[in-house]
């Protein structure tokens, strides 16, 4: 009796391997806008978009990262890096066009250069949200909305805790 579940598990794994192995790699750039901590930012992204699973590594630079500027803590430059894991289903709509709605979970680290305070703030956040990744021939468009929860000690002391909604649009090339 124990062998039947094992056989079914192995068959399921073998039949789904081709679906998991079909990935599209992509590289591109775009913009992101957050409601509090992360202002308008420029993004560079490298990732893959499989039939079910996907993910990316990204980074960028933003201006006016903290909108709650004071005379002592005025931040003009912020840098961030992050990664995310995506799960959804890719729909093939014709020979050259795909669209994949997905849910995402990830982590982002933001560095804020506090020149007035001669300090460098680092803040990490988990992020979750949803998006749509579409490809047409060798191009892609990715639109997503994610929620961030900033909980770094230095940011809490100066600006409190933040829940933040971030909208991101990236475009680029896929292969």
N, C-alpha and C. Protein backbone atom coordinates (compact mmCIF):
# COMPACT_ATOMS: atom_id res chain seq x y z
N UNK A 1 0.80 -1.20 0.00
CA UNK A 1 0.00 0.00 0.00
C UNK A 1 0.85 1.27 0.00
N UNK A 2 2.00 1.27 0.64
CA UNK A 2 2.85 2.46 0.68
C UNK A 2 3.48 2.77 -0.66
N UNK A 3 3.61 1.80 -1.52
CA UNK A 3 4.27 2.03 -2.80
C UNK A 3 3.39 2.80 -3.79
N UNK A 4 2.08 2.69 -3.71
CA UNK A 4 1.20 3.39 -4.63
C UNK A 4 1.34 4.91 -4.51
N UNK A 5 1.32 5.51 -3.31
CA UNK A 5 1.54 6.97 -3.23
C UNK A 5 2.92 7.39 -3.75
N UNK A 6 3.93 6.56 -3.55
CA UNK A 6 5.27 6.89 -4.04
C UNK A 6 5.29 6.87 -5.57
N UNK A 7 4.64 5.88 -6.16
CA UNK A 7 4.59 5.80 -7.62
C UNK A 7 3.84 6.99 -8.20
N UNK A 8 2.72 7.36 -7.59
CA UNK A 8 1.94 8.51 -8.05
C UNK A 8 2.76 9.80 -7.93
N UNK A 9 3.49 9.95 -6.84
CA UNK A 9 4.34 11.14 -6.66
C UNK A 9 5.43 11.22 -7.71
N UNK A 10 6.06 10.10 -8.02
CA UNK A 10 7.13 10.07 -9.02
C UNK A 10 6.56 10.38 -10.41
N UNK A 11 5.41 9.80 -10.74
CA UNK A 11 4.78 10.08 -12.03
C UNK A 11 4.39 11.56 -12.15
N UNK A 12 3.86 12.13 -11.09
CA UNK A 12 3.51 13.55 -11.11
C UNK A 12 4.74 14.42 -11.31
N UNK A 13 5.83 14.09 -10.65
CA UNK A 13 7.06 14.85 -10.80
C UNK A 13 7.62 14.74 -12.22
N UNK A 14 7.62 13.53 -12.76
CA UNK A 14 8.16 13.34 -14.10
C UNK A 14 7.32 14.04 -15.17
N UNK A 15 6.01 14.05 -15.01
CA UNK A 15 5.17 14.69 -16.02
C UNK A 15 5.18 16.20 -15.90
N UNK A 16 5.51 16.75 -14.74
CA UNK A 16 5.52 18.20 -14.60
C UNK A 16 6.90 18.80 -14.83
N UNK A 17 7.94 18.01 -14.95
CA UNK A 17 9.30 18.51 -15.12
C UNK A 17 9.44 19.36 -16.37
N UNK A 18 8.81 18.95 -17.47
CA UNK A 18 8.93 19.75 -18.69
C UNK A 18 8.26 21.11 -18.54
N UNK A 19 7.20 21.18 -17.76
CA UNK A 19 6.54 22.47 -17.51
C UNK A 19 7.45 23.37 -16.69
N UNK A 20 8.11 22.81 -15.68
CA UNK A 20 8.97 23.62 -14.81
C UNK A 20 10.25 24.04 -15.52
N UNK A 21 10.71 23.26 -16.49
CA UNK A 21 11.98 23.56 -17.15
C UNK A 21 11.84 24.60 -18.26
N UNK A 22 10.63 24.90 -18.70
CA UNK A 22 10.43 25.86 -19.79
C UNK A 22 10.44 27.28 -19.22
N UNK A 23 11.58 27.93 -19.24
CA UNK A 23 11.69 29.27 -18.67
C UNK A 23 12.11 30.26 -19.73
N UNK A 24 11.72 31.48 -19.52
CA UNK A 24 12.14 32.60 -20.36
C UNK A 24 12.94 33.56 -19.49
N UNK A 25 14.19 33.76 -19.81
CA UNK A 25 15.03 34.71 -19.09
C UNK A 25 14.75 36.10 -19.62
N UNK A 26 14.86 37.10 -18.76
CA UNK A 26 14.64 38.47 -19.21
C UNK A 26 15.53 39.45 -18.46
N UNK A 27 15.81 40.57 -19.12
CA UNK A 27 16.55 41.67 -18.52
C UNK A 27 15.88 42.96 -18.98
N UNK A 28 15.75 43.90 -18.06
CA UNK A 28 15.08 45.14 -18.43
C UNK A 28 15.24 46.21 -17.38
N UNK A 29 14.49 47.26 -17.57
CA UNK A 29 14.51 48.38 -16.65
C UNK A 29 13.14 49.00 -16.57
N UNK A 30 12.98 49.87 -15.58
CA UNK A 30 11.68 50.50 -15.43
C UNK A 30 11.67 51.49 -14.30
N UNK A 31 10.48 51.68 -13.75
CA UNK A 31 10.29 52.64 -12.68
C UNK A 31 9.37 52.07 -11.62
N UNK A 32 9.51 52.60 -10.42
CA UNK A 32 8.70 52.16 -9.30
C UNK A 32 8.33 53.40 -8.49
N UNK A 33 7.14 53.38 -7.91
CA UNK A 33 6.74 54.49 -7.05
C UNK A 33 6.08 53.94 -5.80
N UNK A 34 6.58 54.39 -4.65
CA UNK A 34 6.02 53.99 -3.37
C UNK A 34 5.31 55.14 -2.69
N UNK A 35 4.48 54.79 -1.71
CA UNK A 35 3.67 55.80 -1.05
C UNK A 35 4.38 56.51 0.10
N UNK A 36 5.43 55.93 0.68
CA UNK A 36 6.09 56.56 1.83
C UNK A 36 7.60 56.57 1.71
N UNK A 37 8.22 55.44 2.09
CA UNK A 37 9.68 55.38 2.18
C UNK A 37 10.33 55.36 0.81
N UNK A 38 9.81 54.55 -0.09
CA UNK A 38 10.42 54.43 -1.42
C UNK A 38 9.73 55.41 -2.36
N UNK A 39 10.44 56.45 -2.74
CA UNK A 39 9.88 57.44 -3.67
C UNK A 39 9.97 56.94 -5.09
N UNK A 40 10.07 57.85 -6.04
CA UNK A 40 10.24 57.47 -7.45
C UNK A 40 11.63 56.88 -7.63
N UNK A 41 11.70 55.71 -8.22
CA UNK A 41 12.98 55.03 -8.37
C UNK A 41 13.13 54.48 -9.78
N UNK A 42 14.38 54.35 -10.20
CA UNK A 42 14.72 53.69 -11.46
C UNK A 42 15.19 52.28 -11.12
N UNK A 43 14.77 51.30 -11.93
CA UNK A 43 15.02 49.89 -11.62
C UNK A 43 15.73 49.20 -12.78
N UNK A 44 16.64 48.29 -12.44
CA UNK A 44 17.24 47.35 -13.39
C UNK A 44 16.91 45.96 -12.86
N UNK A 45 16.50 45.05 -13.75
CA UNK A 45 15.97 43.76 -13.32
C UNK A 45 16.50 42.64 -14.20
N UNK A 46 16.82 41.50 -13.58
CA UNK A 46 17.21 40.27 -14.26
C UNK A 46 16.38 39.15 -13.66
N UNK A 47 15.72 38.33 -14.51
CA UNK A 47 14.89 37.28 -13.96
C UNK A 47 14.53 36.22 -14.96
N UNK A 48 13.65 35.34 -14.53
CA UNK A 48 13.12 34.33 -15.42
C UNK A 48 11.62 34.18 -15.18
N UNK A 49 10.92 33.76 -16.22
CA UNK A 49 9.48 33.66 -16.20
C UNK A 49 9.08 32.30 -16.73
N UNK A 50 8.96 31.33 -15.84
CA UNK A 50 8.60 29.97 -16.25
C UNK A 50 7.11 29.82 -16.45
N UNK A 51 6.70 28.62 -16.84
CA UNK A 51 5.28 28.34 -17.04
C UNK A 51 4.49 28.53 -15.76
N UNK A 52 5.06 28.15 -14.62
CA UNK A 52 4.39 28.28 -13.33
C UNK A 52 5.17 29.21 -12.41
N UNK A 53 6.46 28.94 -12.24
CA UNK A 53 7.28 29.69 -11.30
C UNK A 53 8.19 30.68 -12.02
N UNK A 54 8.57 31.72 -11.31
CA UNK A 54 9.48 32.72 -11.84
C UNK A 54 10.15 33.45 -10.69
N UNK A 55 11.02 34.35 -11.01
CA UNK A 55 11.68 35.13 -9.99
C UNK A 55 12.59 36.15 -10.61
N UNK A 56 13.05 37.09 -9.79
CA UNK A 56 13.95 38.11 -10.31
C UNK A 56 14.84 38.65 -9.21
N UNK A 57 15.93 39.25 -9.67
CA UNK A 57 16.84 40.03 -8.83
C UNK A 57 16.82 41.42 -9.43
N UNK A 58 16.69 42.43 -8.59
CA UNK A 58 16.58 43.80 -9.10
C UNK A 58 17.29 44.77 -8.17
N UNK A 59 17.52 45.94 -8.68
CA UNK A 59 18.13 47.00 -7.89
C UNK A 59 17.86 48.34 -8.53
N UNK A 60 18.13 49.39 -7.80
CA UNK A 60 17.89 50.71 -8.36
C UNK A 60 18.29 51.83 -7.44
N UNK A 61 17.99 53.03 -7.88
CA UNK A 61 18.32 54.26 -7.17
C UNK A 61 17.12 55.18 -7.23
N UNK A 62 16.82 55.82 -6.12
CA UNK A 62 15.68 56.72 -6.09
C UNK A 62 16.01 58.07 -5.48
N UNK A 63 15.27 59.07 -5.87
CA UNK A 63 15.38 60.40 -5.28
C UNK A 63 14.22 60.63 -4.33
N UNK A 64 14.46 61.46 -3.32
CA UNK A 64 13.44 61.78 -2.31
C UNK A 64 12.86 60.50 -1.74
N UNK A 65 13.76 59.64 -1.25
CA UNK A 65 13.33 58.33 -0.78
C UNK A 65 12.46 58.46 0.46
N UNK A 66 12.79 59.37 1.35
CA UNK A 66 11.96 59.61 2.53
C UNK A 66 11.28 60.95 2.35
N UNK A 67 9.95 60.93 2.30
CA UNK A 67 9.21 62.16 2.08
C UNK A 67 9.11 63.00 3.34
N UNK A 68 9.35 62.41 4.50
CA UNK A 68 9.25 63.14 5.76
C UNK A 68 10.59 63.80 6.07
N UNK A 69 11.05 64.68 5.19
CA UNK A 69 12.33 65.35 5.38
C UNK A 69 12.24 66.34 6.54
N UNK A 70 13.31 66.42 7.30
CA UNK A 70 13.44 67.42 8.35
C UNK A 70 14.74 68.17 8.09
N UNK A 71 14.99 69.18 8.88
CA UNK A 71 16.22 69.95 8.69
C UNK A 71 17.45 69.07 8.90
N UNK A 72 17.36 68.10 9.81
CA UNK A 72 18.51 67.26 10.11
C UNK A 72 18.59 66.04 9.20
N UNK A 73 17.46 65.47 8.82
CA UNK A 73 17.46 64.23 8.05
C UNK A 73 16.80 64.45 6.70
N UNK A 74 17.55 64.99 5.77
CA UNK A 74 17.05 65.21 4.41
C UNK A 74 17.77 64.24 3.49
N UNK A 75 17.05 63.26 2.98
CA UNK A 75 17.67 62.23 2.16
C UNK A 75 17.34 62.46 0.69
N UNK A 76 18.38 62.63 -0.11
CA UNK A 76 18.18 62.79 -1.55
C UNK A 76 18.52 61.53 -2.33
N UNK A 77 19.30 60.64 -1.76
CA UNK A 77 19.73 59.44 -2.49
C UNK A 77 19.41 58.19 -1.70
N UNK A 78 18.82 57.24 -2.36
CA UNK A 78 18.55 55.95 -1.76
C UNK A 78 18.82 54.86 -2.79
N UNK A 79 19.34 53.77 -2.35
CA UNK A 79 19.63 52.63 -3.22
C UNK A 79 18.91 51.42 -2.66
N UNK A 80 18.47 50.52 -3.53
CA UNK A 80 17.83 49.32 -3.04
C UNK A 80 18.19 48.14 -3.93
N UNK A 81 18.19 46.96 -3.31
CA UNK A 81 18.35 45.70 -4.02
C UNK A 81 17.30 44.75 -3.46
N UNK A 82 16.87 43.82 -4.29
CA UNK A 82 15.86 42.89 -3.81
C UNK A 82 15.76 41.67 -4.68
N UNK A 83 14.98 40.74 -4.20
CA UNK A 83 14.70 39.52 -4.95
C UNK A 83 13.25 39.14 -4.69
N UNK A 84 12.65 38.45 -5.66
CA UNK A 84 11.28 38.01 -5.47
C UNK A 84 11.05 36.66 -6.14
N UNK A 85 10.12 35.93 -5.60
CA UNK A 85 9.70 34.64 -6.14
C UNK A 85 8.25 34.80 -6.59
N UNK A 86 7.95 34.30 -7.79
CA UNK A 86 6.62 34.46 -8.37
C UNK A 86 6.01 33.08 -8.65
N UNK A 87 4.69 32.98 -8.46
CA UNK A 87 3.96 31.77 -8.81
C UNK A 87 2.66 32.18 -9.50
N UNK A 88 2.44 31.63 -10.68
CA UNK A 88 1.24 31.94 -11.44
C UNK A 88 1.09 30.93 -12.57
N UNK A 89 0.34 31.28 -13.57
CA UNK A 89 0.16 30.39 -14.71
C UNK A 89 0.30 31.19 -15.99
N UNK A 90 1.18 30.72 -16.88
CA UNK A 90 1.43 31.40 -18.14
C UNK A 90 0.43 30.92 -19.20
N UNK A 91 -0.26 31.89 -19.82
CA UNK A 91 -1.20 31.59 -20.89
C UNK A 91 -0.56 31.96 -22.22
N UNK A 92 -0.58 31.04 -23.18
CA UNK A 92 -0.04 31.27 -24.51
C UNK A 92 -1.19 31.72 -25.41
N UNK A 93 -1.18 32.98 -25.80
CA UNK A 93 -2.24 33.56 -26.61
C UNK A 93 -1.69 33.83 -28.00
N UNK A 94 -1.58 32.82 -28.77
CA UNK A 94 -0.97 32.95 -30.09
C UNK A 94 0.45 32.44 -30.06
N UNK A 95 1.10 32.52 -31.20
CA UNK A 95 2.44 31.97 -31.33
C UNK A 95 3.49 32.79 -30.59
N UNK A 96 3.34 34.12 -30.54
CA UNK A 96 4.39 34.98 -30.00
C UNK A 96 4.00 35.74 -28.74
N UNK A 97 2.81 35.54 -28.21
CA UNK A 97 2.34 36.35 -27.09
C UNK A 97 1.97 35.47 -25.90
N UNK A 98 2.49 35.81 -24.70
CA UNK A 98 2.10 35.13 -23.47
C UNK A 98 1.73 36.17 -22.43
N UNK A 99 0.89 35.76 -21.50
CA UNK A 99 0.54 36.61 -20.36
C UNK A 99 0.47 35.70 -19.13
N UNK A 100 1.02 36.19 -18.03
CA UNK A 100 1.07 35.38 -16.81
C UNK A 100 0.72 36.23 -15.60
N UNK A 101 -0.49 36.09 -15.07
CA UNK A 101 -0.79 36.71 -13.78
C UNK A 101 -0.09 35.90 -12.68
N UNK A 102 0.41 36.59 -11.66
CA UNK A 102 1.16 35.88 -10.63
C UNK A 102 1.02 36.55 -9.27
N UNK A 103 1.29 35.78 -8.24
CA UNK A 103 1.45 36.28 -6.87
C UNK A 103 2.93 36.29 -6.57
N UNK A 104 3.38 37.22 -5.74
CA UNK A 104 4.81 37.31 -5.46
C UNK A 104 5.07 37.44 -3.97
N UNK A 105 6.25 36.99 -3.58
CA UNK A 105 6.77 37.20 -2.24
C UNK A 105 8.26 37.46 -2.40
N UNK A 106 8.80 38.37 -1.62
CA UNK A 106 10.21 38.69 -1.78
C UNK A 106 10.77 39.45 -0.60
N UNK A 107 11.99 39.93 -0.78
CA UNK A 107 12.69 40.70 0.25
C UNK A 107 13.45 41.83 -0.42
N UNK A 108 13.43 43.00 0.20
CA UNK A 108 14.12 44.16 -0.35
C UNK A 108 14.93 44.83 0.76
N UNK A 109 16.13 45.25 0.40
CA UNK A 109 17.00 45.99 1.31
C UNK A 109 17.20 47.38 0.73
N UNK A 110 16.97 48.40 1.55
CA UNK A 110 17.13 49.77 1.09
C UNK A 110 18.21 50.46 1.91
N UNK A 111 19.10 51.15 1.22
CA UNK A 111 20.15 51.94 1.84
C UNK A 111 19.85 53.40 1.59
N UNK A 112 19.82 54.19 2.65
CA UNK A 112 19.50 55.61 2.54
C UNK A 112 20.70 56.39 3.04
N UNK A 113 21.24 57.24 2.19
CA UNK A 113 22.41 58.05 2.52
C UNK A 113 21.94 59.33 3.21
N UNK A 114 22.14 59.37 4.51
CA UNK A 114 21.76 60.55 5.29
C UNK A 114 22.97 61.47 5.39
N UNK A 115 23.14 62.34 4.40
CA UNK A 115 24.32 63.20 4.37
C UNK A 115 24.36 64.18 5.53
N UNK A 116 23.22 64.73 5.90
CA UNK A 116 23.20 65.72 6.97
C UNK A 116 23.60 65.10 8.31
N UNK A 117 23.29 63.83 8.49
CA UNK A 117 23.60 63.17 9.75
C UNK A 117 24.88 62.36 9.67
N UNK A 118 25.56 62.38 8.51
CA UNK A 118 26.75 61.55 8.30
C UNK A 118 26.46 60.10 8.69
N UNK A 119 25.38 59.57 8.17
CA UNK A 119 24.91 58.26 8.57
C UNK A 119 24.43 57.50 7.33
N UNK A 120 24.45 56.20 7.39
CA UNK A 120 23.89 55.38 6.34
C UNK A 120 22.86 54.46 6.97
N UNK A 121 21.61 54.64 6.60
CA UNK A 121 20.54 53.82 7.13
C UNK A 121 20.33 52.62 6.23
N UNK A 122 20.18 51.45 6.81
CA UNK A 122 19.84 50.25 6.06
C UNK A 122 18.54 49.70 6.61
N UNK A 123 17.63 49.39 5.73
CA UNK A 123 16.32 48.91 6.15
C UNK A 123 15.89 47.78 5.24
N UNK A 124 15.51 46.65 5.82
CA UNK A 124 15.03 45.53 5.04
C UNK A 124 13.54 45.36 5.21
N UNK A 125 12.91 44.79 4.21
CA UNK A 125 11.47 44.56 4.29
C UNK A 125 11.08 43.32 3.50
N UNK A 126 10.12 42.60 4.04
CA UNK A 126 9.47 41.55 3.26
C UNK A 126 8.45 42.23 2.36
N UNK A 127 8.20 41.66 1.22
CA UNK A 127 7.21 42.23 0.31
C UNK A 127 6.36 41.13 -0.27
N UNK A 128 5.10 41.46 -0.54
CA UNK A 128 4.17 40.51 -1.15
C UNK A 128 3.22 41.29 -2.04
N UNK A 129 2.68 40.64 -3.05
CA UNK A 129 1.78 41.34 -3.94
C UNK A 129 1.36 40.49 -5.11
N UNK A 130 0.99 41.16 -6.21
CA UNK A 130 0.52 40.49 -7.41
C UNK A 130 0.98 41.28 -8.63
N UNK A 131 1.05 40.60 -9.76
CA UNK A 131 1.47 41.28 -10.98
C UNK A 131 1.04 40.51 -12.22
N UNK A 132 1.38 41.09 -13.36
CA UNK A 132 1.13 40.47 -14.65
C UNK A 132 2.39 40.63 -15.49
N UNK A 133 2.90 39.51 -16.00
CA UNK A 133 4.08 39.50 -16.86
C UNK A 133 3.63 39.07 -18.25
N UNK A 134 3.89 39.91 -19.26
CA UNK A 134 3.51 39.54 -20.62
C UNK A 134 4.73 39.63 -21.52
N UNK A 135 4.77 38.74 -22.50
CA UNK A 135 5.86 38.75 -23.48
C UNK A 135 5.27 38.80 -24.87
N UNK A 136 5.99 39.45 -25.74
CA UNK A 136 5.65 39.49 -27.17
C UNK A 136 6.95 39.38 -27.93
N UNK A 137 7.12 38.26 -28.62
CA UNK A 137 8.36 37.94 -29.33
C UNK A 137 9.53 38.05 -28.36
N UNK A 138 10.43 39.01 -28.54
CA UNK A 138 11.60 39.11 -27.67
C UNK A 138 11.49 40.24 -26.64
N UNK A 139 10.30 40.78 -26.43
CA UNK A 139 10.10 41.88 -25.49
C UNK A 139 9.18 41.45 -24.35
N UNK A 140 9.32 42.12 -23.19
CA UNK A 140 8.41 41.83 -22.10
C UNK A 140 7.96 43.13 -21.43
N UNK A 141 6.81 43.04 -20.77
CA UNK A 141 6.25 44.11 -19.95
C UNK A 141 5.80 43.47 -18.66
N UNK A 142 6.20 44.05 -17.53
CA UNK A 142 5.83 43.52 -16.22
C UNK A 142 5.23 44.65 -15.40
N UNK A 143 4.06 44.44 -14.85
CA UNK A 143 3.38 45.41 -14.00
C UNK A 143 3.03 44.70 -12.70
N UNK A 144 3.41 45.30 -11.56
CA UNK A 144 3.08 44.67 -10.29
C UNK A 144 2.81 45.70 -9.21
N UNK A 145 2.06 45.27 -8.21
CA UNK A 145 1.78 46.07 -7.02
C UNK A 145 2.16 45.22 -5.82
N UNK A 146 2.96 45.78 -4.92
CA UNK A 146 3.43 45.02 -3.76
C UNK A 146 3.25 45.85 -2.50
N UNK A 147 3.10 45.17 -1.39
CA UNK A 147 3.03 45.79 -0.07
C UNK A 147 4.35 45.56 0.64
N UNK A 148 4.88 46.61 1.25
CA UNK A 148 6.12 46.53 2.03
C UNK A 148 5.78 46.86 3.48
N UNK A 149 6.55 46.29 4.40
CA UNK A 149 6.44 46.64 5.81
C UNK A 149 7.83 46.99 6.30
N UNK A 150 8.11 48.30 6.45
CA UNK A 150 9.45 48.75 6.87
C UNK A 150 9.52 48.70 8.39
N UNK A 151 10.53 47.98 8.91
CA UNK A 151 10.66 47.83 10.35
C UNK A 151 12.11 47.93 10.82
N UNK A 152 12.89 48.77 10.24
CA UNK A 152 14.29 48.93 10.68
C UNK A 152 14.34 49.83 11.90
N UNK A 153 15.24 49.53 12.81
CA UNK A 153 15.34 50.29 14.05
C UNK A 153 15.56 51.78 13.80
N UNK A 154 16.51 52.12 12.93
CA UNK A 154 16.81 53.53 12.70
C UNK A 154 15.64 54.24 12.03
N UNK A 155 14.95 53.58 11.11
CA UNK A 155 13.80 54.22 10.47
C UNK A 155 12.65 54.38 11.47
N UNK A 156 12.47 53.41 12.37
CA UNK A 156 11.41 53.54 13.37
C UNK A 156 11.68 54.72 14.28
N UNK A 157 12.92 54.88 14.72
CA UNK A 157 13.26 55.99 15.61
C UNK A 157 12.99 57.33 14.97
N UNK A 158 13.24 57.45 13.67
CA UNK A 158 13.11 58.75 13.02
C UNK A 158 11.75 58.97 12.38
N UNK A 159 11.19 57.93 11.81
CA UNK A 159 10.00 58.13 10.99
C UNK A 159 8.85 57.20 11.33
N UNK A 160 9.00 56.32 12.31
CA UNK A 160 7.94 55.37 12.65
C UNK A 160 7.95 54.17 11.72
N UNK A 161 7.01 53.26 11.94
CA UNK A 161 6.87 52.10 11.08
C UNK A 161 5.97 52.45 9.90
N UNK A 162 6.26 51.84 8.77
CA UNK A 162 5.48 52.15 7.57
C UNK A 162 4.97 50.89 6.90
N UNK A 163 3.72 50.92 6.54
CA UNK A 163 3.18 50.00 5.54
C UNK A 163 3.18 50.80 4.26
N UNK A 164 3.63 50.20 3.19
CA UNK A 164 3.77 50.95 1.96
C UNK A 164 3.31 50.14 0.77
N UNK A 165 2.56 50.77 -0.11
CA UNK A 165 2.19 50.17 -1.39
C UNK A 165 3.15 50.69 -2.45
N UNK A 166 3.67 49.77 -3.27
CA UNK A 166 4.62 50.14 -4.31
C UNK A 166 4.14 49.59 -5.65
N UNK A 167 4.04 50.44 -6.64
CA UNK A 167 3.68 50.04 -8.00
C UNK A 167 4.95 50.07 -8.86
N UNK A 168 5.14 49.04 -9.67
CA UNK A 168 6.34 48.91 -10.48
C UNK A 168 5.97 48.53 -11.91
N UNK A 169 6.64 49.17 -12.88
CA UNK A 169 6.50 48.83 -14.29
C UNK A 169 7.90 48.65 -14.85
N UNK A 170 8.16 47.49 -15.48
CA UNK A 170 9.44 47.26 -16.14
C UNK A 170 9.20 46.75 -17.56
N UNK A 171 10.13 47.07 -18.43
CA UNK A 171 10.11 46.60 -19.81
C UNK A 171 11.52 46.14 -20.18
N UNK A 172 11.62 45.26 -21.17
CA UNK A 172 12.95 44.82 -21.57
C UNK A 172 12.88 43.72 -22.61
N UNK A 173 13.96 42.93 -22.61
CA UNK A 173 14.16 41.88 -23.60
C UNK A 173 14.10 40.52 -22.93
N UNK A 174 13.59 39.54 -23.64
CA UNK A 174 13.51 38.17 -23.14
C UNK A 174 14.18 37.24 -24.14
N UNK A 175 14.71 36.15 -23.63
CA UNK A 175 15.33 35.15 -24.51
C UNK A 175 15.06 33.76 -23.97
